Amino acid sequence: MNKGVLKKESNNIYDNNLYVIAHDLSASFNHIKGFAEILSGKIADKITAEDQLYFEHLILAVRKSEAMLSAITKLSHIPL
């Protein structure tokens, strides 16, 4: 095989791995965010304002992580 073919194959493997990792992490973050939102809603009248703020920070952190993973997923479809 020549170097061009090897580089293309290597890039394809890299892109596929990025996509799989981002997809799997995204699923986990969706579960965390969903659980936090449900839990926060169920106990909203039983927790302090500070505790509610913790839930909001958790949900915000997951949203930021999802945005980052979305960018990685898009990047994985661009030839290097």
N, C-alpha and C. Protein backbone atom coordinates (compact mmCIF):
# COMPACT_ATOMS: atom_id res chain seq x y z
N MET A 1 0.84 -1.19 0.00
CA MET A 1 0.00 0.00 0.00
C MET A 1 0.89 1.25 0.00
N ASN A 2 0.41 2.26 -0.68
CA ASN A 2 1.19 3.50 -0.67
C ASN A 2 0.77 4.38 0.52
N LYS A 3 1.55 5.40 0.77
CA LYS A 3 1.32 6.26 1.94
C LYS A 3 -0.03 6.97 1.89
N GLY A 4 -0.46 7.36 0.70
CA GLY A 4 -1.75 8.05 0.55
C GLY A 4 -2.92 7.17 0.96
N VAL A 5 -2.88 5.91 0.54
CA VAL A 5 -3.94 4.97 0.90
C VAL A 5 -3.92 4.69 2.40
N LEU A 6 -2.74 4.51 2.96
CA LEU A 6 -2.62 4.27 4.40
C LEU A 6 -3.13 5.46 5.20
N LYS A 7 -2.80 6.67 4.74
CA LYS A 7 -3.24 7.87 5.44
C LYS A 7 -4.77 7.99 5.39
N LYS A 8 -5.35 7.72 4.24
CA LYS A 8 -6.80 7.78 4.10
C LYS A 8 -7.47 6.75 5.00
N GLU A 9 -6.94 5.54 5.01
CA GLU A 9 -7.50 4.48 5.86
C GLU A 9 -7.37 4.85 7.34
N SER A 10 -6.22 5.40 7.70
CA SER A 10 -6.00 5.83 9.08
C SER A 10 -6.99 6.94 9.47
N ASN A 11 -7.21 7.89 8.57
CA ASN A 11 -8.15 8.97 8.83
C ASN A 11 -9.58 8.44 8.98
N ASN A 12 -9.94 7.45 8.17
CA ASN A 12 -11.27 6.86 8.27
C ASN A 12 -11.47 6.18 9.62
N ILE A 13 -10.47 5.45 10.06
CA ILE A 13 -10.54 4.79 11.37
C ILE A 13 -10.65 5.83 12.47
N TYR A 14 -9.85 6.88 12.39
CA TYR A 14 -9.88 7.97 13.36
C TYR A 14 -11.26 8.62 13.40
N ASP A 15 -11.81 8.95 12.23
CA ASP A 15 -13.13 9.58 12.15
C ASP A 15 -14.20 8.68 12.74
N ASN A 16 -14.16 7.39 12.40
CA ASN A 16 -15.15 6.45 12.92
C ASN A 16 -15.06 6.34 14.44
N ASN A 17 -13.85 6.29 14.97
CA ASN A 17 -13.68 6.21 16.42
C ASN A 17 -14.19 7.47 17.11
N LEU A 18 -13.90 8.63 16.55
CA LEU A 18 -14.42 9.88 17.12
C LEU A 18 -15.94 9.86 17.17
N TYR A 19 -16.54 9.43 16.08
CA TYR A 19 -18.00 9.40 16.01
C TYR A 19 -18.58 8.44 17.05
N VAL A 20 -18.02 7.26 17.16
CA VAL A 20 -18.53 6.26 18.12
C VAL A 20 -18.38 6.76 19.55
N ILE A 21 -17.23 7.32 19.88
CA ILE A 21 -17.00 7.84 21.23
C ILE A 21 -17.97 8.97 21.55
N ALA A 22 -18.11 9.91 20.63
CA ALA A 22 -19.01 11.04 20.85
C ALA A 22 -20.46 10.56 20.99
N HIS A 23 -20.85 9.61 20.17
CA HIS A 23 -22.22 9.09 20.23
C HIS A 23 -22.48 8.42 21.58
N ASP A 24 -21.57 7.58 22.02
CA ASP A 24 -21.74 6.87 23.29
C ASP A 24 -21.76 7.84 24.47
N LEU A 25 -20.87 8.80 24.47
CA LEU A 25 -20.86 9.79 25.55
C LEU A 25 -22.13 10.63 25.54
N SER A 26 -22.61 10.96 24.37
CA SER A 26 -23.83 11.75 24.25
C SER A 26 -25.02 11.02 24.89
N ALA A 27 -25.11 9.73 24.66
CA ALA A 27 -26.19 8.95 25.26
C ALA A 27 -26.11 9.00 26.78
N SER A 28 -24.92 8.88 27.32
CA SER A 28 -24.75 8.95 28.77
C SER A 28 -25.14 10.33 29.31
N PHE A 29 -24.71 11.38 28.62
CA PHE A 29 -25.06 12.73 29.05
C PHE A 29 -26.57 12.97 28.98
N ASN A 30 -27.23 12.41 27.97
CA ASN A 30 -28.68 12.55 27.88
C ASN A 30 -29.37 11.92 29.08
N HIS A 31 -28.88 10.77 29.52
CA HIS A 31 -29.44 10.11 30.69
C HIS A 31 -29.22 10.95 31.95
N ILE A 32 -28.03 11.48 32.11
CA ILE A 32 -27.73 12.31 33.29
C ILE A 32 -28.62 13.55 33.30
N LYS A 33 -28.71 14.22 32.16
CA LYS A 33 -29.52 15.44 32.08
C LYS A 33 -30.99 15.13 32.36
N GLY A 34 -31.50 14.08 31.74
CA GLY A 34 -32.90 13.71 31.94
C GLY A 34 -33.20 13.38 33.38
N PHE A 35 -32.33 12.60 34.00
CA PHE A 35 -32.53 12.24 35.40
C PHE A 35 -32.48 13.47 36.30
N ALA A 36 -31.53 14.35 36.06
CA ALA A 36 -31.41 15.57 36.87
C ALA A 36 -32.65 16.45 36.72
N GLU A 37 -33.17 16.57 35.50
CA GLU A 37 -34.36 17.38 35.27
C GLU A 37 -35.58 16.78 35.96
N ILE A 38 -35.74 15.47 35.87
CA ILE A 38 -36.87 14.81 36.53
C ILE A 38 -36.75 14.96 38.04
N LEU A 39 -35.58 14.66 38.57
CA LEU A 39 -35.36 14.74 40.01
C LEU A 39 -35.56 16.17 40.51
N SER A 40 -35.02 17.12 39.80
CA SER A 40 -35.15 18.52 40.17
C SER A 40 -36.62 18.94 40.21
N GLY A 41 -37.38 18.50 39.22
CA GLY A 41 -38.81 18.83 39.17
C GLY A 41 -39.60 18.19 40.29
N LYS A 42 -39.25 16.95 40.63
CA LYS A 42 -39.99 16.23 41.66
C LYS A 42 -39.74 16.79 43.06
N ILE A 43 -38.53 17.30 43.28
CA ILE A 43 -38.21 17.76 44.63
C ILE A 43 -38.04 19.27 44.71
N ALA A 44 -38.48 19.97 43.67
CA ALA A 44 -38.27 21.42 43.60
C ALA A 44 -38.82 22.15 44.82
N ASP A 45 -39.96 21.70 45.34
CA ASP A 45 -40.56 22.39 46.50
C ASP A 45 -39.98 21.92 47.83
N LYS A 46 -39.05 20.97 47.79
CA LYS A 46 -38.48 20.41 49.01
C LYS A 46 -37.01 20.75 49.20
N ILE A 47 -36.41 21.43 48.24
CA ILE A 47 -34.98 21.72 48.34
C ILE A 47 -34.75 23.23 48.45
N THR A 48 -33.58 23.56 48.90
CA THR A 48 -33.23 24.97 49.06
C THR A 48 -32.90 25.59 47.69
N ALA A 49 -32.87 26.88 47.67
CA ALA A 49 -32.49 27.60 46.44
C ALA A 49 -31.06 27.21 46.03
N GLU A 50 -30.20 27.00 47.01
CA GLU A 50 -28.82 26.60 46.70
C GLU A 50 -28.79 25.22 46.05
N ASP A 51 -29.61 24.29 46.56
CA ASP A 51 -29.67 22.96 45.96
C ASP A 51 -30.21 23.03 44.53
N GLN A 52 -31.21 23.88 44.31
CA GLN A 52 -31.76 24.06 42.97
C GLN A 52 -30.69 24.59 42.02
N LEU A 53 -29.86 25.48 42.55
CA LEU A 53 -28.76 26.03 41.75
C LEU A 53 -27.78 24.92 41.34
N TYR A 54 -27.53 23.97 42.24
CA TYR A 54 -26.66 22.85 41.91
C TYR A 54 -27.24 22.04 40.73
N PHE A 55 -28.54 21.80 40.77
CA PHE A 55 -29.17 21.08 39.67
C PHE A 55 -29.04 21.87 38.36
N GLU A 56 -29.24 23.17 38.43
CA GLU A 56 -29.13 24.00 37.23
C GLU A 56 -27.70 23.96 36.67
N HIS A 57 -26.71 23.98 37.56
CA HIS A 57 -25.32 23.89 37.11
C HIS A 57 -25.04 22.53 36.47
N LEU A 58 -25.59 21.48 37.05
CA LEU A 58 -25.42 20.14 36.50
C LEU A 58 -26.00 20.06 35.10
N ILE A 59 -27.21 20.56 34.94
CA ILE A 59 -27.87 20.52 33.64
C ILE A 59 -27.12 21.39 32.63
N LEU A 60 -26.65 22.55 33.04
CA LEU A 60 -25.88 23.42 32.16
C LEU A 60 -24.58 22.75 31.72
N ALA A 61 -23.91 22.09 32.66
CA ALA A 61 -22.65 21.40 32.33
C ALA A 61 -22.89 20.30 31.31
N VAL A 62 -24.00 19.58 31.45
CA VAL A 62 -24.32 18.52 30.50
C VAL A 62 -24.62 19.13 29.13
N ARG A 63 -25.34 20.24 29.09
CA ARG A 63 -25.64 20.89 27.80
C ARG A 63 -24.37 21.35 27.11
N LYS A 64 -23.43 21.90 27.88
CA LYS A 64 -22.15 22.31 27.30
C LYS A 64 -21.39 21.10 26.76
N SER A 65 -21.41 20.01 27.50
CA SER A 65 -20.74 18.78 27.06
C SER A 65 -21.40 18.23 25.80
N GLU A 66 -22.72 18.31 25.73
CA GLU A 66 -23.42 17.85 24.54
C GLU A 66 -23.03 18.69 23.32
N ALA A 67 -22.90 19.99 23.50
CA ALA A 67 -22.49 20.87 22.40
C ALA A 67 -21.08 20.51 21.93
N MET A 68 -20.19 20.24 22.87
CA MET A 68 -18.83 19.86 22.52
C MET A 68 -18.83 18.53 21.76
N LEU A 69 -19.62 17.58 22.22
CA LEU A 69 -19.69 16.29 21.55
C LEU A 69 -20.30 16.43 20.16
N SER A 70 -21.25 17.32 20.02
CA SER A 70 -21.84 17.57 18.71
C SER A 70 -20.78 18.10 17.74
N ALA A 71 -19.95 18.99 18.22
CA ALA A 71 -18.86 19.52 17.39
C ALA A 71 -17.88 18.42 17.01
N ILE A 72 -17.57 17.54 17.94
CA ILE A 72 -16.67 16.42 17.65
C ILE A 72 -17.29 15.49 16.61
N THR A 73 -18.58 15.24 16.75
CA THR A 73 -19.27 14.39 15.79
C THR A 73 -19.23 14.99 14.40
N LYS A 74 -19.47 16.30 14.31
CA LYS A 74 -19.40 16.97 13.01
C LYS A 74 -17.97 16.91 12.46
N LEU A 75 -17.00 17.09 13.31
CA LEU A 75 -15.61 17.04 12.89
C LEU A 75 -15.25 15.66 12.33
N SER A 76 -15.83 14.63 12.89
CA SER A 76 -15.50 13.28 12.46
C SER A 76 -15.95 13.01 11.02
N HIS A 77 -16.82 13.82 10.49
CA HIS A 77 -17.30 13.63 9.11
C HIS A 77 -16.51 14.49 8.11
N ILE A 78 -15.54 15.26 8.59
CA ILE A 78 -14.72 16.10 7.72
C ILE A 78 -13.41 15.38 7.47
N PRO A 79 -13.06 15.15 6.20
CA PRO A 79 -11.77 14.51 5.92
C PRO A 79 -10.60 15.35 6.46
N LEU A 80 -9.66 14.70 7.08
CA LEU A 80 -8.50 15.42 7.62
C LEU A 80 -7.46 15.66 6.55
